[in-house]
């Protein structure tokens, strides 16, 4: 209902805005910042006590997805090999859907056997690992040299 609507609206606004202005900004920093918002939103699930809390968390997650998806897709496009675009995007998008399926099944099993809190803790651990991985990978250039990730 309303929570998903807030998530979709915020995600859409950030996606459109960064689609329009993202080439003028530091895409690597936006990806890492988006992952940080995803971590905050996922941690927020552990603190929800009212419907308003849920709506706020959904908005935070919308910011994270909107920031990270547009800019990571742009970076992904830059690095892909010419002539293999459909194969690369197919692996990227198809792989995401397959992993998402397994995550949903695992999450459902975990909720049934352990409860929502454990699912959110696992989600937070995965989000933190993704944040650290993105930070490490994106702070280097194509030759492995360190770059100023947040400096532009």
N, C-alpha and C. Protein backbone atom coordinates (compact mmCIF):
# COMPACT_ATOMS: atom_id res chain seq x y z
N UNK A 1 0.76 -1.16 0.00
CA UNK A 1 0.00 0.00 0.00
C UNK A 1 0.84 1.27 0.00
N UNK A 2 0.65 2.05 1.04
CA UNK A 2 1.28 3.36 1.12
C UNK A 2 2.79 3.24 1.20
N UNK A 3 3.30 2.27 1.97
CA UNK A 3 4.74 2.09 2.11
C UNK A 3 5.41 1.84 0.76
N UNK A 4 4.82 0.94 -0.03
CA UNK A 4 5.39 0.66 -1.35
C UNK A 4 5.26 1.87 -2.26
N UNK A 5 4.15 2.60 -2.12
CA UNK A 5 3.97 3.82 -2.91
C UNK A 5 5.04 4.85 -2.60
N UNK A 6 5.37 5.03 -1.32
CA UNK A 6 6.41 5.98 -0.93
C UNK A 6 7.76 5.52 -1.48
N UNK A 7 8.06 4.23 -1.31
CA UNK A 7 9.32 3.68 -1.84
C UNK A 7 9.41 3.94 -3.35
N UNK A 8 8.36 3.62 -4.10
CA UNK A 8 8.38 3.78 -5.55
C UNK A 8 8.50 5.23 -5.97
N UNK A 9 7.78 6.12 -5.29
CA UNK A 9 7.84 7.54 -5.62
C UNK A 9 9.24 8.09 -5.38
N UNK A 10 9.80 7.83 -4.21
CA UNK A 10 11.13 8.35 -3.88
C UNK A 10 12.17 7.74 -4.83
N UNK A 11 12.08 6.45 -5.07
CA UNK A 11 12.99 5.78 -6.01
C UNK A 11 12.87 6.43 -7.39
N UNK A 12 11.65 6.63 -7.85
CA UNK A 12 11.42 7.23 -9.16
C UNK A 12 11.97 8.64 -9.27
N UNK A 13 11.77 9.45 -8.24
CA UNK A 13 12.27 10.83 -8.25
C UNK A 13 13.79 10.83 -8.31
N UNK A 14 14.44 10.00 -7.48
CA UNK A 14 15.90 9.95 -7.50
C UNK A 14 16.42 9.36 -8.81
N UNK A 15 15.74 8.36 -9.34
CA UNK A 15 16.15 7.76 -10.61
C UNK A 15 16.06 8.79 -11.74
N UNK A 16 14.95 9.50 -11.82
CA UNK A 16 14.79 10.53 -12.86
C UNK A 16 15.80 11.66 -12.66
N UNK A 17 15.95 12.11 -11.44
CA UNK A 17 16.88 13.21 -11.17
C UNK A 17 18.31 12.86 -11.50
N UNK A 18 18.74 11.68 -11.08
CA UNK A 18 20.12 11.27 -11.36
C UNK A 18 20.29 10.87 -12.82
N UNK A 19 19.22 10.41 -13.44
CA UNK A 19 19.28 10.15 -14.87
C UNK A 19 19.53 11.45 -15.63
N UNK A 20 18.96 12.52 -15.14
CA UNK A 20 19.10 13.83 -15.79
C UNK A 20 20.43 14.50 -15.47
N UNK A 21 20.86 14.42 -14.20
CA UNK A 21 22.03 15.18 -13.77
C UNK A 21 23.23 14.32 -13.37
N UNK A 22 23.08 13.00 -13.41
CA UNK A 22 24.13 12.10 -12.91
C UNK A 22 25.45 12.20 -13.62
N UNK A 23 25.47 12.55 -14.89
CA UNK A 23 26.74 12.66 -15.61
C UNK A 23 27.58 13.83 -15.14
N UNK A 24 26.97 14.76 -14.43
CA UNK A 24 27.71 15.90 -13.89
C UNK A 24 28.20 15.63 -12.47
N UNK A 25 27.84 14.48 -11.91
CA UNK A 25 28.18 14.15 -10.53
C UNK A 25 29.14 12.96 -10.48
N UNK A 26 29.67 12.70 -9.33
CA UNK A 26 30.57 11.57 -9.13
C UNK A 26 29.74 10.29 -8.98
N UNK A 27 29.63 9.52 -10.07
CA UNK A 27 28.80 8.32 -10.07
C UNK A 27 29.26 7.28 -9.04
N UNK A 28 30.56 7.15 -8.89
CA UNK A 28 31.08 6.18 -7.92
C UNK A 28 30.65 6.55 -6.51
N UNK A 29 30.77 7.81 -6.17
CA UNK A 29 30.36 8.27 -4.83
C UNK A 29 28.86 8.09 -4.64
N UNK A 30 28.07 8.30 -5.69
CA UNK A 30 26.63 8.12 -5.58
C UNK A 30 26.25 6.66 -5.37
N UNK A 31 26.97 5.75 -6.01
CA UNK A 31 26.71 4.32 -5.79
C UNK A 31 26.98 3.96 -4.33
N UNK A 32 28.13 4.38 -3.83
CA UNK A 32 28.48 4.07 -2.44
C UNK A 32 27.50 4.74 -1.48
N UNK A 33 27.12 5.99 -1.76
CA UNK A 33 26.14 6.68 -0.92
C UNK A 33 24.79 5.97 -0.96
N UNK A 34 24.40 5.50 -2.13
CA UNK A 34 23.15 4.74 -2.24
C UNK A 34 23.19 3.49 -1.40
N UNK A 35 24.31 2.78 -1.43
CA UNK A 35 24.46 1.58 -0.60
C UNK A 35 24.39 1.92 0.88
N UNK A 36 24.93 3.09 1.25
CA UNK A 36 24.85 3.53 2.64
C UNK A 36 23.39 3.75 3.05
N UNK A 37 22.60 4.39 2.18
CA UNK A 37 21.17 4.57 2.47
C UNK A 37 20.47 3.21 2.56
N UNK A 38 20.85 2.25 1.72
CA UNK A 38 20.25 0.91 1.81
C UNK A 38 20.57 0.27 3.15
N UNK A 39 21.79 0.45 3.63
CA UNK A 39 22.15 -0.08 4.96
C UNK A 39 21.31 0.59 6.04
N UNK A 40 21.18 1.91 5.97
CA UNK A 40 20.38 2.63 6.96
C UNK A 40 18.92 2.19 6.93
N UNK A 41 18.38 2.04 5.73
CA UNK A 41 16.99 1.60 5.61
C UNK A 41 16.79 0.19 6.13
N UNK A 42 17.72 -0.69 5.81
CA UNK A 42 17.62 -2.07 6.29
C UNK A 42 17.72 -2.11 7.81
N UNK A 43 18.64 -1.33 8.39
CA UNK A 43 18.74 -1.25 9.85
C UNK A 43 17.46 -0.66 10.42
N UNK A 44 16.85 0.25 9.67
CA UNK A 44 15.60 0.86 10.12
C UNK A 44 14.48 -0.15 10.31
N UNK A 45 14.49 -1.24 9.54
CA UNK A 45 13.47 -2.28 9.74
C UNK A 45 13.48 -2.80 11.17
N UNK A 46 14.64 -2.82 11.78
CA UNK A 46 14.75 -3.33 13.16
C UNK A 46 14.14 -2.37 14.18
N UNK A 47 13.91 -1.12 13.77
CA UNK A 47 13.42 -0.10 14.70
C UNK A 47 11.95 0.27 14.50
N UNK A 48 11.30 -0.33 13.52
CA UNK A 48 9.92 0.02 13.20
C UNK A 48 9.00 -0.33 14.37
N UNK A 49 8.22 0.69 14.80
CA UNK A 49 7.23 0.49 15.86
C UNK A 49 5.83 0.97 15.45
N UNK A 50 5.78 1.83 14.43
CA UNK A 50 4.51 2.39 13.98
C UNK A 50 4.45 2.38 12.45
N UNK A 51 3.28 2.54 11.88
CA UNK A 51 3.18 2.64 10.42
C UNK A 51 4.02 3.80 9.85
N UNK A 52 4.10 4.91 10.57
CA UNK A 52 4.91 6.03 10.10
C UNK A 52 6.38 5.64 10.01
N UNK A 53 6.87 4.88 10.97
CA UNK A 53 8.26 4.40 10.91
C UNK A 53 8.47 3.58 9.63
N UNK A 54 7.51 2.72 9.32
CA UNK A 54 7.62 1.88 8.12
C UNK A 54 7.69 2.75 6.87
N UNK A 55 6.86 3.78 6.80
CA UNK A 55 6.85 4.67 5.64
C UNK A 55 8.18 5.40 5.51
N UNK A 56 8.74 5.84 6.62
CA UNK A 56 10.04 6.52 6.60
C UNK A 56 11.13 5.57 6.10
N UNK A 57 11.13 4.34 6.60
CA UNK A 57 12.12 3.34 6.16
C UNK A 57 11.99 3.09 4.67
N UNK A 58 10.77 2.98 4.18
CA UNK A 58 10.55 2.76 2.75
C UNK A 58 11.10 3.93 1.94
N UNK A 59 10.94 5.16 2.44
CA UNK A 59 11.50 6.32 1.76
C UNK A 59 13.02 6.28 1.72
N UNK A 60 13.64 5.89 2.83
CA UNK A 60 15.10 5.78 2.88
C UNK A 60 15.58 4.73 1.89
N UNK A 61 14.89 3.61 1.82
CA UNK A 61 15.26 2.56 0.85
C UNK A 61 15.07 3.05 -0.58
N UNK A 62 14.04 3.85 -0.82
CA UNK A 62 13.83 4.42 -2.15
C UNK A 62 14.97 5.33 -2.56
N UNK A 63 15.49 6.13 -1.62
CA UNK A 63 16.65 6.97 -1.90
C UNK A 63 17.84 6.09 -2.28
N UNK A 64 18.09 5.04 -1.49
CA UNK A 64 19.23 4.16 -1.74
C UNK A 64 19.18 3.48 -3.09
N UNK A 65 18.02 2.94 -3.43
CA UNK A 65 17.89 2.26 -4.72
C UNK A 65 17.98 3.26 -5.86
N UNK A 66 17.31 4.41 -5.71
CA UNK A 66 17.37 5.42 -6.76
C UNK A 66 18.78 5.93 -7.01
N UNK A 67 19.57 6.10 -5.95
CA UNK A 67 20.94 6.57 -6.10
C UNK A 67 21.84 5.50 -6.69
N UNK A 68 21.73 4.30 -6.17
CA UNK A 68 22.70 3.27 -6.56
C UNK A 68 22.40 2.65 -7.93
N UNK A 69 21.14 2.44 -8.26
CA UNK A 69 20.84 1.74 -9.52
C UNK A 69 21.21 2.53 -10.77
N UNK A 70 20.83 3.80 -10.84
CA UNK A 70 21.13 4.58 -12.04
C UNK A 70 22.63 4.70 -12.25
N UNK A 71 23.34 5.04 -11.19
CA UNK A 71 24.78 5.28 -11.33
C UNK A 71 25.56 3.98 -11.51
N UNK A 72 25.15 2.91 -10.86
CA UNK A 72 25.86 1.64 -11.07
C UNK A 72 25.61 1.12 -12.48
N UNK A 73 24.41 1.33 -13.00
CA UNK A 73 24.13 0.93 -14.38
C UNK A 73 24.97 1.73 -15.36
N UNK A 74 25.14 3.03 -15.09
CA UNK A 74 25.97 3.87 -15.96
C UNK A 74 27.42 3.39 -15.93
N UNK A 75 27.94 3.10 -14.75
CA UNK A 75 29.32 2.61 -14.64
C UNK A 75 29.46 1.24 -15.30
N UNK A 76 28.47 0.39 -15.10
CA UNK A 76 28.47 -0.94 -15.70
C UNK A 76 28.53 -0.82 -17.23
N UNK A 77 27.77 0.12 -17.78
CA UNK A 77 27.75 0.31 -19.23
C UNK A 77 29.11 0.77 -19.76
N UNK A 78 29.77 1.63 -19.01
CA UNK A 78 31.09 2.13 -19.42
C UNK A 78 32.09 0.98 -19.52
N UNK A 79 32.03 0.05 -18.58
CA UNK A 79 33.04 -0.99 -18.48
C UNK A 79 32.75 -2.22 -19.34
N UNK A 80 31.57 -2.31 -19.94
CA UNK A 80 31.26 -3.53 -20.68
C UNK A 80 31.94 -3.56 -22.05
N UNK A 81 32.23 -4.76 -22.48
CA UNK A 81 32.94 -4.96 -23.75
C UNK A 81 32.00 -4.73 -24.92
N UNK A 82 32.46 -3.97 -25.90
CA UNK A 82 31.67 -3.67 -27.10
C UNK A 82 31.34 -4.97 -27.84
N UNK A 83 30.11 -5.03 -28.35
CA UNK A 83 29.67 -6.19 -29.11
C UNK A 83 29.09 -7.30 -28.24
N UNK A 84 29.19 -7.15 -26.91
CA UNK A 84 28.65 -8.16 -25.99
C UNK A 84 27.63 -7.57 -25.03
N UNK A 85 27.07 -6.42 -25.40
CA UNK A 85 26.17 -5.71 -24.50
C UNK A 85 24.96 -6.55 -24.09
N UNK A 86 24.31 -7.21 -25.04
CA UNK A 86 23.11 -7.97 -24.68
C UNK A 86 23.45 -9.14 -23.78
N UNK A 87 24.56 -9.81 -24.04
CA UNK A 87 24.96 -10.93 -23.18
C UNK A 87 25.28 -10.43 -21.76
N UNK A 88 26.01 -9.33 -21.68
CA UNK A 88 26.39 -8.80 -20.37
C UNK A 88 25.17 -8.34 -19.59
N UNK A 89 24.27 -7.58 -20.25
CA UNK A 89 23.06 -7.15 -19.56
C UNK A 89 22.17 -8.34 -19.22
N UNK A 90 22.13 -9.34 -20.09
CA UNK A 90 21.35 -10.54 -19.80
C UNK A 90 21.85 -11.24 -18.55
N UNK A 91 23.17 -11.41 -18.44
CA UNK A 91 23.74 -12.02 -17.23
C UNK A 91 23.45 -11.16 -16.01
N UNK A 92 23.60 -9.86 -16.16
CA UNK A 92 23.37 -8.95 -15.04
C UNK A 92 21.93 -9.02 -14.55
N UNK A 93 20.99 -8.81 -15.46
CA UNK A 93 19.58 -8.74 -15.07
C UNK A 93 19.00 -10.11 -14.74
N UNK A 94 19.35 -11.11 -15.54
CA UNK A 94 18.86 -12.47 -15.25
C UNK A 94 19.43 -13.01 -13.96
N UNK A 95 20.72 -12.75 -13.74
CA UNK A 95 21.35 -13.20 -12.50
C UNK A 95 20.72 -12.55 -11.29
N UNK A 96 20.40 -11.25 -11.41
CA UNK A 96 19.73 -10.55 -10.31
C UNK A 96 18.40 -11.22 -9.98
N UNK A 97 17.59 -11.50 -11.00
CA UNK A 97 16.28 -12.10 -10.77
C UNK A 97 16.39 -13.49 -10.13
N UNK A 98 17.35 -14.27 -10.57
CA UNK A 98 17.53 -15.61 -9.99
C UNK A 98 17.98 -15.51 -8.54
N UNK A 99 18.93 -14.63 -8.26
CA UNK A 99 19.39 -14.44 -6.87
C UNK A 99 18.25 -13.90 -6.02
N UNK A 100 17.46 -12.98 -6.57
CA UNK A 100 16.32 -12.42 -5.84
C UNK A 100 15.33 -13.53 -5.48
N UNK A 101 15.12 -14.47 -6.39
CA UNK A 101 14.22 -15.60 -6.13
C UNK A 101 14.72 -16.43 -4.95
N UNK A 102 16.01 -16.79 -4.98
CA UNK A 102 16.57 -17.57 -3.87
C UNK A 102 16.51 -16.80 -2.56
N UNK A 103 16.77 -15.50 -2.61
CA UNK A 103 16.72 -14.68 -1.40
C UNK A 103 15.30 -14.65 -0.83
N UNK A 104 14.30 -14.55 -1.69
CA UNK A 104 12.91 -14.53 -1.22
C UNK A 104 12.53 -15.86 -0.58
N UNK A 105 12.93 -16.95 -1.19
CA UNK A 105 12.63 -18.28 -0.63
C UNK A 105 13.36 -18.46 0.71
N UNK A 106 14.65 -18.10 0.75
CA UNK A 106 15.41 -18.19 1.99
C UNK A 106 14.80 -17.30 3.06
N UNK A 107 14.41 -16.07 2.68
CA UNK A 107 13.80 -15.15 3.64
C UNK A 107 12.49 -15.69 4.19
N UNK A 108 11.67 -16.27 3.33
CA UNK A 108 10.42 -16.87 3.79
C UNK A 108 10.66 -18.02 4.76
N UNK A 109 11.63 -18.85 4.44
CA UNK A 109 11.99 -19.96 5.33
C UNK A 109 12.50 -19.43 6.67
N UNK A 110 13.35 -18.40 6.61
CA UNK A 110 13.90 -17.83 7.85
C UNK A 110 12.81 -17.19 8.71
N UNK A 111 11.88 -16.47 8.09
CA UNK A 111 10.78 -15.86 8.86
C UNK A 111 9.98 -16.95 9.56
N UNK A 112 9.69 -18.00 8.84
CA UNK A 112 8.91 -19.09 9.43
C UNK A 112 9.64 -19.75 10.59
N UNK A 113 10.94 -19.94 10.46
CA UNK A 113 11.69 -20.68 11.47
C UNK A 113 12.36 -19.81 12.54
N UNK A 114 12.65 -18.56 12.22
CA UNK A 114 13.39 -17.72 13.17
C UNK A 114 12.74 -16.38 13.47
N UNK A 115 11.92 -15.86 12.55
CA UNK A 115 11.29 -14.56 12.75
C UNK A 115 11.90 -13.48 11.87
N UNK A 116 11.18 -12.36 11.79
CA UNK A 116 11.60 -11.26 10.92
C UNK A 116 12.92 -10.64 11.36
N UNK A 117 13.16 -10.53 12.64
CA UNK A 117 14.39 -9.88 13.12
C UNK A 117 15.63 -10.53 12.53
N UNK A 118 15.68 -11.85 12.51
CA UNK A 118 16.84 -12.54 11.95
C UNK A 118 16.99 -12.29 10.45
N UNK A 119 15.87 -12.19 9.75
CA UNK A 119 15.92 -11.88 8.32
C UNK A 119 16.51 -10.49 8.11
N UNK A 120 16.05 -9.53 8.91
CA UNK A 120 16.57 -8.17 8.77
C UNK A 120 18.04 -8.09 9.15
N UNK A 121 18.46 -8.86 10.14
CA UNK A 121 19.89 -8.87 10.50
C UNK A 121 20.73 -9.46 9.36
N UNK A 122 20.25 -10.52 8.74
CA UNK A 122 20.97 -11.10 7.59
C UNK A 122 21.00 -10.11 6.43
N UNK A 123 19.86 -9.46 6.17
CA UNK A 123 19.82 -8.46 5.11
C UNK A 123 20.81 -7.33 5.39
N UNK A 124 20.90 -6.91 6.64
CA UNK A 124 21.83 -5.83 7.00
C UNK A 124 23.27 -6.28 6.80
N UNK A 125 23.58 -7.52 7.17
CA UNK A 125 24.94 -8.04 6.97
C UNK A 125 25.30 -8.05 5.48
N UNK A 126 24.38 -8.48 4.64
CA UNK A 126 24.62 -8.50 3.19
C UNK A 126 24.78 -7.06 2.67
N UNK A 127 23.94 -6.15 3.15
CA UNK A 127 24.04 -4.75 2.71
C UNK A 127 25.39 -4.14 3.13
N UNK A 128 25.82 -4.41 4.36
CA UNK A 128 27.11 -3.88 4.81
C UNK A 128 28.26 -4.46 3.99
N UNK A 129 28.20 -5.76 3.69
CA UNK A 129 29.24 -6.39 2.86
C UNK A 129 29.24 -5.75 1.47
N UNK A 130 28.06 -5.48 0.92
CA UNK A 130 27.95 -4.84 -0.40
C UNK A 130 28.52 -3.42 -0.36
N UNK A 131 28.24 -2.70 0.71
CA UNK A 131 28.78 -1.35 0.87
C UNK A 131 30.30 -1.38 0.91
N UNK A 132 30.87 -2.27 1.70
CA UNK A 132 32.33 -2.37 1.80
C UNK A 132 32.95 -2.80 0.48
N UNK A 133 32.31 -3.74 -0.21
CA UNK A 133 32.81 -4.21 -1.50
C UNK A 133 32.79 -3.06 -2.52
N UNK A 134 31.67 -2.33 -2.57
CA UNK A 134 31.56 -1.21 -3.51
C UNK A 134 32.61 -0.15 -3.19
N UNK A 135 32.79 0.15 -1.91
CA UNK A 135 33.80 1.13 -1.51
C UNK A 135 35.17 0.71 -2.00
N UNK A 136 35.51 -0.56 -1.79
CA UNK A 136 36.83 -1.06 -2.17
C UNK A 136 37.01 -1.04 -3.70
N UNK A 137 36.04 -1.54 -4.43
CA UNK A 137 36.15 -1.64 -5.88
C UNK A 137 36.12 -0.26 -6.54
N UNK A 138 35.23 0.60 -6.09
CA UNK A 138 35.04 1.87 -6.76
C UNK A 138 36.05 2.93 -6.38
N UNK A 139 36.89 2.66 -5.39
CA UNK A 139 37.91 3.67 -5.06
C UNK A 139 39.20 3.45 -5.85
N UNK A 140 39.16 2.53 -6.82
CA UNK A 140 40.31 2.32 -7.70
C UNK A 140 39.89 2.58 -9.14
N UNK A 141 40.87 2.93 -9.97
CA UNK A 141 40.57 3.12 -11.39
C UNK A 141 40.75 1.79 -12.12
N UNK A 142 40.67 1.82 -13.43
CA UNK A 142 40.75 0.59 -14.22
C UNK A 142 42.11 -0.11 -14.11
N UNK A 143 43.13 0.61 -13.68
CA UNK A 143 44.46 0.02 -13.54
C UNK A 143 44.78 -0.35 -12.10
N UNK A 144 43.78 -0.26 -11.21
CA UNK A 144 43.98 -0.64 -9.82
C UNK A 144 44.56 0.45 -8.95
N UNK A 145 44.72 1.67 -9.49
CA UNK A 145 45.25 2.78 -8.71
C UNK A 145 44.15 3.41 -7.88
N UNK A 146 44.50 3.84 -6.66
CA UNK A 146 43.51 4.48 -5.80
C UNK A 146 43.10 5.82 -6.38
N UNK A 147 41.80 6.12 -6.26
CA UNK A 147 41.29 7.40 -6.71
C UNK A 147 40.56 8.05 -5.54
N UNK A 148 40.22 9.33 -5.72
CA UNK A 148 39.46 10.04 -4.69
C UNK A 148 37.99 9.73 -4.93
N UNK A 149 37.46 8.77 -4.19
CA UNK A 149 36.08 8.34 -4.39
C UNK A 149 35.09 9.46 -4.11
N UNK A 150 35.26 10.13 -3.01
CA UNK A 150 34.28 11.15 -2.63
C UNK A 150 34.70 12.55 -3.05
N UNK A 151 35.84 12.67 -3.68
CA UNK A 151 36.32 13.99 -4.05
C UNK A 151 35.97 14.42 -5.45
N UNK A 152 35.31 13.57 -6.22
CA UNK A 152 34.91 13.99 -7.57
C UNK A 152 35.74 13.50 -8.64
